[in-house]
PDB file of N, CA and C in Angstrom:
ATOM      1  N   MET A   1     -98.522 -96.843 123.785  1.00  0.00           N
ATOM      2  CA  MET A   1     -98.325 -97.017 122.256  1.00  0.00           C
ATOM      3  C   MET A   1     -97.077 -96.614 122.253  1.00  0.00           C
ATOM      4  N   ILE A   2     -96.304 -97.340 121.204  1.00  0.00           N
ATOM      5  CA  ILE A   2     -95.045 -96.834 120.531  1.00  0.00           C
ATOM      6  C   ILE A   2     -95.320 -95.642 119.479  1.00  0.00           C
ATOM      7  N   TYR A   3     -94.779 -94.793 118.789  1.00  0.00           N
ATOM      8  CA  TYR A   3     -95.143 -94.608 117.657  1.00  0.00           C
ATOM      9  C   TYR A   3     -93.553 -93.884 116.967  1.00  0.00           C
ATOM     10  N   VAL A   4     -93.719 -94.026 115.567  1.00  0.00           N
ATOM     11  CA  VAL A   4     -92.179 -93.824 114.962  1.00  0.00           C
ATOM     12  C   VAL A   4     -92.588 -92.641 114.342  1.00  0.00           C
ATOM     13  N   VAL A   5     -91.248 -91.590 114.073  1.00  0.00           N
ATOM     14  CA  VAL A   5     -91.519 -90.675 112.655  1.00  0.00           C
ATOM     15  C   VAL A   5     -90.454 -91.474 111.944  1.00  0.00           C
ATOM     16  N   ASP A   6     -90.505 -91.041 111.323  1.00  0.00           N
ATOM     17  CA  ASP A   6     -89.507 -90.865 109.804  1.00  0.00           C
ATOM     18  C   ASP A   6     -89.076 -89.965 109.373  1.00  0.00           C
ATOM     19  N   VAL A   7     -87.289 -90.301 109.371  1.00  0.00           N
ATOM     20  CA  VAL A   7     -86.791 -88.812 108.617  1.00  0.00           C
ATOM     21  C   VAL A   7     -85.778 -89.546 107.634  1.00  0.00           C
ATOM     22  N   ASN A   8     -85.222 -89.065 106.836  1.00  0.00           N
ATOM     23  CA  ASN A   8     -84.454 -89.587 105.811  1.00  0.00           C
ATOM     24  C   ASN A   8     -83.638 -91.313 106.106  1.00  0.00           C
ATOM     25  N   GLN A   9     -85.160 -91.949 105.787  1.00  0.00           N
ATOM     26  CA  GLN A   9     -84.807 -93.065 106.005  1.00  0.00           C
ATOM     27  C   GLN A   9     -84.655 -93.920 107.121  1.00  0.00           C
ATOM     28  N   MET A  10     -84.548 -92.829 108.662  1.00  0.00           N
ATOM     29  CA  MET A  10     -84.511 -93.428 109.400  1.00  0.00           C
ATOM     30  C   MET A  10     -85.917 -93.351 110.540  1.00  0.00           C
ATOM     31  N   SER A  11     -85.873 -94.092 111.253  1.00  0.00           N
ATOM     32  CA  SER A  11     -87.279 -94.173 112.302  1.00  0.00           C
ATOM     33  C   SER A  11     -87.068 -93.860 113.560  1.00  0.00           C
ATOM     34  N   PHE A  12     -87.248 -92.913 114.241  1.00  0.00           N
ATOM     35  CA  PHE A  12     -87.416 -92.861 115.296  1.00  0.00           C
ATOM     36  C   PHE A  12     -88.479 -92.929 116.075  1.00  0.00           C
ATOM     37  N   ALA A  13     -88.760 -93.973 117.144  1.00  0.00           N
ATOM     38  CA  ALA A  13     -89.856 -94.233 117.923  1.00  0.00           C
ATOM     39  C   ALA A  13     -89.776 -93.482 119.179  1.00  0.00           C
ATOM     40  N   PHE A  14     -90.919 -93.458 119.673  1.00  0.00           N
ATOM     41  CA  PHE A  14     -91.302 -92.644 121.146  1.00  0.00           C
ATOM     42  C   PHE A  14     -92.043 -93.078 121.410  1.00  0.00           C
ATOM     43  N   VAL A  15     -92.953 -92.908 122.934  1.00  0.00           N
ATOM     44  CA  VAL A  15     -94.014 -93.350 123.841  1.00  0.00           C
ATOM     45  C   VAL A  15     -94.860 -92.038 123.844  1.00  0.00           C
ATOM     46  N   ALA A  16     -96.469 -92.858 122.975  1.00  0.00           N
ATOM     47  CA  ALA A  16     -97.549 -91.646 123.956  1.00  0.00           C
ATOM     48  C   ALA A  16     -98.758 -92.571 124.035  1.00  0.00           C
ATOM     49  N   GLY A  17     -99.704 -91.945 124.347  1.00  0.00           N
ATOM     50  CA  GLY A  17    -100.794 -92.014 125.372  1.00  0.00           C
ATOM     51  C   GLY A  17    -102.209 -92.163 123.804  1.00  0.00           C
ATOM     52  N   SER A  18    -101.527 -91.630 123.033  1.00  0.00           N
ATOM     53  CA  SER A  18    -102.829 -91.750 121.795  1.00  0.00           C
ATOM     54  C   SER A  18    -102.495 -91.267 120.540  1.00  0.00           C
ATOM     55  N   GLU A  19    -102.981 -91.165 119.616  1.00  0.00           N
ATOM     56  CA  GLU A  19    -102.097 -90.726 118.060  1.00  0.00           C
ATOM     57  C   GLU A  19    -102.161 -89.231 118.105  1.00  0.00           C
ATOM     58  N   SER A  20    -103.328 -88.682 119.093  1.00  0.00           N
ATOM     59  CA  SER A  20    -103.145 -87.372 118.797  1.00  0.00           C
ATOM     60  C   SER A  20    -102.072 -86.599 120.328  1.00  0.00           C
ATOM     61  N   GLN A  21    -101.643 -87.663 121.116  1.00  0.00           N
ATOM     62  CA  GLN A  21    -100.631 -87.039 122.075  1.00  0.00           C
ATOM     63  C   GLN A  21     -99.566 -87.280 121.023  1.00  0.00           C
ATOM     64  N   ALA A  22     -99.518 -88.410 120.088  1.00  0.00           N
ATOM     65  CA  ALA A  22     -97.957 -88.353 119.358  1.00  0.00           C
ATOM     66  C   ALA A  22     -97.571 -87.423 118.240  1.00  0.00           C
ATOM     67  N   SER A  23     -99.344 -86.474 118.159  1.00  0.00           N
ATOM     68  CA  SER A  23     -99.195 -85.712 116.688  1.00  0.00           C
ATOM     69  C   SER A  23     -98.339 -84.645 117.292  1.00  0.00           C
ATOM     70  N   GLU A  24     -98.934 -84.253 118.479  1.00  0.00           N
ATOM     71  CA  GLU A  24     -98.527 -83.194 119.704  1.00  0.00           C
ATOM     72  C   GLU A  24     -97.055 -83.130 119.695  1.00  0.00           C
ATOM     73  N   ILE A  25     -96.603 -84.473 120.152  1.00  0.00           N
ATOM     74  CA  ILE A  25     -95.157 -84.211 120.745  1.00  0.00           C
ATOM     75  C   ILE A  25     -94.623 -84.529 119.211  1.00  0.00           C
ATOM     76  N   ALA A  26     -94.648 -84.975 118.248  1.00  0.00           N
ATOM     77  CA  ALA A  26     -93.769 -85.018 116.932  1.00  0.00           C
ATOM     78  C   ALA A  26     -93.833 -83.922 116.427  1.00  0.00           C
ATOM     79  N   GLY A  27     -94.969 -82.704 116.484  1.00  0.00           N
ATOM     80  CA  GLY A  27     -94.595 -81.310 115.921  1.00  0.00           C
ATOM     81  C   GLY A  27     -94.381 -80.749 117.150  1.00  0.00           C
ATOM     82  N   SER A  28     -93.707 -80.881 118.376  1.00  0.00           N
ATOM     83  CA  SER A  28     -93.444 -79.390 118.524  1.00  0.00           C
ATOM     84  C   SER A  28     -92.307 -79.324 118.886  1.00  0.00           C
ATOM     85  N   PRO A  29     -91.803 -78.549 119.001  1.00  0.00           N
ATOM     86  CA  PRO A  29     -90.411 -77.337 118.546  1.00  0.00           C
ATOM     87  C   PRO A  29     -89.576 -78.083 119.145  1.00  0.00           C
ATOM     88  N   GLN A  30     -89.854 -78.521 120.062  1.00  0.00           N
ATOM     89  CA  GLN A  30     -88.479 -79.511 121.078  1.00  0.00           C
ATOM     90  C   GLN A  30     -88.015 -80.292 120.394  1.00  0.00           C
ATOM     91  N   PHE A  31     -88.958 -80.923 119.579  1.00  0.00           N
ATOM     92  CA  PHE A  31     -88.900 -82.501 119.070  1.00  0.00           C
ATOM     93  C   PHE A  31     -87.823 -82.311 117.562  1.00  0.00           C
ATOM     94  N   VAL A  32     -89.071 -81.410 117.134  1.00  0.00           N
ATOM     95  CA  VAL A  32     -88.141 -80.576 115.484  1.00  0.00           C
ATOM     96  C   VAL A  32     -86.937 -80.587 115.935  1.00  0.00           C
ATOM     97  N   GLN A  33     -86.342 -79.137 116.816  1.00  0.00           N
ATOM     98  CA  GLN A  33     -85.606 -79.050 116.740  1.00  0.00           C
ATOM     99  C   GLN A  33     -84.343 -80.600 117.521  1.00  0.00           C
ATOM    100  N   THR A  34     -84.976 -81.278 118.165  1.00  0.00           N
ATOM    101  CA  THR A  34     -83.921 -82.112 117.986  1.00  0.00           C
ATOM    102  C   THR A  34     -83.289 -82.855 116.766  1.00  0.00           C
ATOM    103  N   LEU A  35     -84.384 -83.198 116.352  1.00  0.00           N
ATOM    104  CA  LEU A  35     -84.155 -84.066 114.882  1.00  0.00           C
ATOM    105  C   LEU A  35     -83.352 -82.872 113.795  1.00  0.00           C
ATOM    106  N   GLU A  36     -83.670 -82.145 113.840  1.00  0.00           N
ATOM    107  CA  GLU A  36     -82.548 -81.109 113.203  1.00  0.00           C
ATOM    108  C   GLU A  36     -81.342 -81.202 113.653  1.00  0.00           C
ATOM    109  N   ARG A  37     -81.190 -81.193 114.916  1.00  0.00           N
ATOM    110  CA  ARG A  37     -79.973 -81.017 115.610  1.00  0.00           C
ATOM    111  C   ARG A  37     -79.368 -82.342 114.997  1.00  0.00           C
ATOM    112  N   PHE A  38     -79.993 -83.605 115.018  1.00  0.00           N
ATOM    113  CA  PHE A  38     -79.351 -85.086 114.585  1.00  0.00           C
ATOM    114  C   PHE A  38     -78.549 -84.977 113.515  1.00  0.00           C
ATOM    115  N   PHE A  39     -79.088 -84.197 111.878  1.00  0.00           N
ATOM    116  CA  PHE A  39     -79.257 -83.828 111.090  1.00  0.00           C
ATOM    117  C   PHE A  39     -78.081 -83.247 110.336  1.00  0.00           C
ATOM    118  N   LEU A  40     -77.981 -82.057 111.438  1.00  0.00           N
ATOM    119  CA  LEU A  40     -77.352 -80.984 111.179  1.00  0.00           C
ATOM    120  C   LEU A  40     -75.905 -80.228 110.262  1.00  0.00           C
ATOM    121  N   ASN A  41     -75.688 -81.709 110.319  1.00  0.00           N
ATOM    122  CA  ASN A  41     -74.353 -82.234 109.393  1.00  0.00           C
ATOM    123  C   ASN A  41     -74.503 -83.262 108.380  1.00  0.00           C
ATOM    124  N   ARG A  42     -75.558 -83.141 108.131  1.00  0.00           N
ATOM    125  CA  ARG A  42     -76.251 -84.199 106.877  1.00  0.00           C
ATOM    126  C   ARG A  42     -76.553 -83.382 105.864  1.00  0.00           C
ATOM    127  N   HIS A  43     -77.017 -83.791 104.610  1.00  0.00           N
ATOM    128  CA  HIS A  43     -77.733 -82.726 103.774  1.00  0.00           C
ATOM    129  C   HIS A  43     -78.798 -82.410 104.108  1.00  0.00           C
ATOM    130  N   GLY A  44     -79.600 -81.675 104.827  1.00  0.00           N
ATOM    131  CA  GLY A  44     -80.336 -81.807 104.851  1.00  0.00           C
ATOM    132  C   GLY A  44     -81.441 -82.694 105.580  1.00  0.00           C
ATOM    133  N   SER A  45     -83.188 -82.376 105.911  1.00  0.00           N
ATOM    134  CA  SER A  45     -83.665 -83.745 106.163  1.00  0.00           C
ATOM    135  C   SER A  45     -84.791 -83.897 105.439  1.00  0.00           C
ATOM    136  N   ASN A  46     -85.535 -84.599 105.412  1.00  0.00           N
ATOM    137  CA  ASN A  46     -86.737 -85.195 104.689  1.00  0.00           C
ATOM    138  C   ASN A  46     -87.743 -85.438 105.701  1.00  0.00           C
ATOM    139  N   SER A  47     -88.482 -85.277 106.664  1.00  0.00           N
ATOM    140  CA  SER A  47     -89.345 -85.354 106.885  1.00  0.00           C
ATOM    141  C   SER A  47     -90.768 -85.179 106.671  1.00  0.00           C
ATOM    142  N   ASN A  48     -92.075 -86.000 107.721  1.00  0.00           N
ATOM    143  CA  ASN A  48     -93.415 -85.071 107.495  1.00  0.00           C
ATOM    144  C   ASN A  48     -93.390 -85.574 109.126  1.00  0.00           C
ATOM    145  N   HIS A  49     -93.298 -85.702 109.869  1.00  0.00           N
ATOM    146  CA  HIS A  49     -93.005 -85.379 111.584  1.00  0.00           C
ATOM    147  C   HIS A  49     -94.879 -85.935 111.606  1.00  0.00           C
ATOM    148  N   ARG A  50     -95.393 -86.751 111.123  1.00  0.00           N
ATOM    149  CA  ARG A  50     -96.190 -87.631 111.211  1.00  0.00           C
ATOM    150  C   ARG A  50     -96.207 -88.725 111.430  1.00  0.00           C
ATOM    151  N   PRO A  51     -96.485 -89.211 113.002  1.00  0.00           N
ATOM    152  CA  PRO A  51     -96.210 -90.205 113.554  1.00  0.00           C
ATOM    153  C   PRO A  51     -97.149 -90.785 113.067  1.00  0.00           C
ATOM    154  N   ARG A  52     -96.570 -91.994 113.180  1.00  0.00           N
ATOM    155  CA  ARG A  52     -97.337 -94.041 113.031  1.00  0.00           C
ATOM    156  C   ARG A  52     -96.503 -94.926 113.684  1.00  0.00           C
ATOM    157  N   ALA A  53     -97.793 -95.927 114.284  1.00  0.00           N
ATOM    158  CA  ALA A  53     -98.050 -96.885 115.171  1.00  0.00           C
ATOM    159  C   ALA A  53     -96.386 -97.318 114.271  1.00  0.00           C
ATOM    160  N   ALA A  54     -96.322 -97.850 115.331  1.00  0.00           N
ATOM    161  CA  ALA A  54     -94.966 -98.884 115.611  1.00  0.00           C
ATOM    162  C   ALA A  54     -94.675-100.149 114.751  1.00  0.00           C
ATOM    163  N   THR A  55     -93.898-100.801 114.033  1.00  0.00           N
ATOM    164  CA  THR A  55     -94.231-101.961 113.953  1.00  0.00           C
ATOM    165  C   THR A  55     -93.893-103.026 114.520  1.00  0.00           C
ATOM    166  N   VAL A  56     -93.933-104.352 114.815  1.00  0.00           N
ATOM    167  CA  VAL A  56     -93.682-105.362 115.768  1.00  0.00           C
ATOM    168  C   VAL A  56     -91.883-105.132 115.889  1.00  0.00           C
ATOM    169  N   GLN A  57     -91.178-105.273 114.567  1.00  0.00           N
ATOM    170  CA  GLN A  57     -89.636-105.060 114.725  1.00  0.00           C
ATOM    171  C   GLN A  57     -89.295-104.176 115.586  1.00  0.00           C
ATOM    172  N   GLU A  58     -89.976-102.730 115.278  1.00  0.00           N
ATOM    173  CA  GLU A  58     -89.548-101.430 115.913  1.00  0.00           C
ATOM    174  C   GLU A  58     -90.167-101.491 117.238  1.00  0.00           C
ATOM    175  N   LEU A  59     -91.199-102.173 117.423  1.00  0.00           N
ATOM    176  CA  LEU A  59     -91.350-102.199 118.945  1.00  0.00           C
ATOM    177  C   LEU A  59     -90.437-103.023 119.946  1.00  0.00           C
ATOM    178  N   ILE A  60     -90.044-104.050 119.296  1.00  0.00           N
ATOM    179  CA  ILE A  60     -89.097-104.663 120.378  1.00  0.00           C
ATOM    180  C   ILE A  60     -87.773-104.195 120.184  1.00  0.00           C
ATOM    181  N   LEU A  61     -87.700-103.489 118.958  1.00  0.00           N
ATOM    182  CA  LEU A  61     -86.097-102.540 119.216  1.00  0.00           C
ATOM    183  C   LEU A  61     -85.964-101.625 120.266  1.00  0.00           C
ATOM    184  N   PHE A  62     -87.301-100.725 120.132  1.00  0.00           N
ATOM    185  CA  PHE A  62     -87.172 -99.902 121.066  1.00  0.00           C
ATOM    186  C   PHE A  62     -87.450-100.042 122.580  1.00  0.00           C
ATOM    187  N   ASN A  63     -88.552-101.608 122.957  1.00  0.00           N
ATOM    188  CA  ASN A  63     -87.977-101.892 123.920  1.00  0.00           C
ATOM    189  C   ASN A  63     -86.850-102.118 124.567  1.00  0.00           C
ATOM    190  N   GLY A  64     -85.865-102.756 123.946  1.00  0.00           N
ATOM    191  CA  GLY A  64     -84.766-103.166 123.906  1.00  0.00           C
ATOM    192  C   GLY A  64     -83.870-101.932 124.342  1.00  0.00           C
ATOM    193  N   ILE A  65     -84.264-100.557 123.529  1.00  0.00           N
ATOM    194  CA  ILE A  65     -83.447 -99.647 124.466  1.00  0.00           C
ATOM    195  C   ILE A  65     -83.715 -98.790 124.894  1.00  0.00           C
ATOM    196  N   SER A  66     -85.173 -99.146 125.378  1.00  0.00           N
ATOM    197  CA  SER A  66     -85.742 -98.324 126.729  1.00  0.00           C
ATOM    198  C   SER A  66     -85.569 -98.899 128.266  1.00  0.00           C
ATOM    199  N   SER A  67     -85.419-100.449 127.904  1.00  0.00           N
ATOM    200  CA  SER A  67     -84.889-101.006 129.121  1.00  0.00           C
ATOM    201  C   SER A  67     -83.348-100.724 129.556  1.00  0.00           C
ATOM    202  N   GLU A  68     -83.094-100.419 128.948  1.00  0.00           N
ATOM    203  CA  GLU A  68     -81.590 -99.654 129.390  1.00  0.00           C
ATOM    204  C   GLU A  68     -81.239 -98.418 130.286  1.00  0.00           C
ATOM    205  N   PHE A  69     -82.495 -97.175 129.658  1.00  0.00           N
ATOM    206  CA  PHE A  69     -82.527 -96.659 130.167  1.00  0.00           C
ATOM    207  C   PHE A  69     -83.766 -95.849 130.942  1.00  0.00           C
ATOM    208  N   ALA A  70     -84.553 -97.411 131.704  1.00  0.00           N
ATOM    209  CA  ALA A  70     -85.196 -97.596 132.407  1.00  0.00           C
ATOM    210  C   ALA A  70     -85.375 -96.294 133.291  1.00  0.00           C
ATOM    211  N   ASP A  71     -83.755 -95.897 133.705  1.00  0.00           N
ATOM    212  CA  ASP A  71     -84.157 -94.679 135.351  1.00  0.00           C
ATOM    213  C   ASP A  71     -84.246 -93.761 134.784  1.00  0.00           C
ATOM    214  N   ALA A  72     -83.829 -93.497 133.712  1.00  0.00           N
ATOM    215  CA  ALA A  72     -83.407 -92.010 132.736  1.00  0.00           C
ATOM    216  C   ALA A  72     -84.605 -90.887 133.357  1.00  0.00           C
ATOM    217  N   SER A  73     -84.045 -89.845 133.391  1.00  0.00           N
ATOM    218  CA  SER A  73     -85.504 -88.578 134.084  1.00  0.00           C
ATOM    219  C   SER A  73     -85.658 -87.825 133.045  1.00  0.00           C
ATOM    220  N   SER A  74     -85.140 -88.012 131.692  1.00  0.00           N
ATOM    221  CA  SER A  74     -86.697 -87.929 130.585  1.00  0.00           C
ATOM    222  C   SER A  74     -87.585 -87.664 130.449  1.00  0.00           C
ATOM    223  N   ASP A  75     -88.291 -86.930 130.339  1.00  0.00           N
ATOM    224  CA  ASP A  75     -89.807 -87.240 130.049  1.00  0.00           C
ATOM    225  C   ASP A  75     -90.189 -87.669 128.758  1.00  0.00           C
ATOM    226  N   VAL A  76     -89.590 -87.888 127.202  1.00  0.00           N
ATOM    227  CA  VAL A  76     -89.395 -88.340 126.052  1.00  0.00           C
ATOM    228  C   VAL A  76     -88.416 -89.136 126.239  1.00  0.00           C
ATOM    229  N   LEU A  77     -88.253 -90.386 126.250  1.00  0.00           N
ATOM    230  CA  LEU A  77     -87.033 -91.183 125.021  1.00  0.00           C
ATOM    231  C   LEU A  77     -87.563 -91.141 123.806  1.00  0.00           C
ATOM    232  N   VAL A  78     -86.468 -90.799 122.887  1.00  0.00           N
ATOM    233  CA  VAL A  78     -86.657 -90.853 121.601  1.00  0.00           C
ATOM    234  C   VAL A  78     -85.333 -92.048 120.944  1.00  0.00           C
ATOM    235  N   ALA A  79     -85.851 -93.436 120.436  1.00  0.00           N
ATOM    236  CA  ALA A  79     -85.150 -93.877 120.023  1.00  0.00           C
ATOM    237  C   ALA A  79     -84.791 -94.330 118.411  1.00  0.00           C
ATOM    238  N   ARG A  80     -83.781 -94.255 117.925  1.00  0.00           N
ATOM    239  CA  ARG A  80     -83.519 -94.423 116.432  1.00  0.00           C
ATOM    240  C   ARG A  80     -83.899 -96.300 116.608  1.00  0.00           C
ATOM    241  N   VAL A  81     -85.048 -96.279 115.563  1.00  0.00           N
ATOM    242  CA  VAL A  81     -85.095 -98.368 115.319  1.00  0.00           C
ATOM    243  C   VAL A  81     -85.049 -98.462 113.986  1.00  0.00           C
ATOM    244  N   GLY A  82     -84.751 -98.070 113.382  1.00  0.00           N
ATOM    245  CA  GLY A  82     -84.426 -98.101 111.911  1.00  0.00           C
ATOM    246  C   GLY A  82     -83.935 -96.900 111.127  1.00  0.00           C
TER     247      GLY A  82
END
């Protein structure tokens, strides 16, 4: 299933097998550090890192982006979908 974390009026999607796994990923130090680096040159970040199920539009965007990276070797693909 595709889950989304909202940060500063932007949405970032990723795949997780369950809601508990999505919460684990979104709360992991690596995930949080990655988002913080993304916002390093911005005025702080406002996020709750609480994942939610993707909307249909976010799902379509994520599937389009992930198909471009089908051979990527990363464990988790995080894509901006909003």
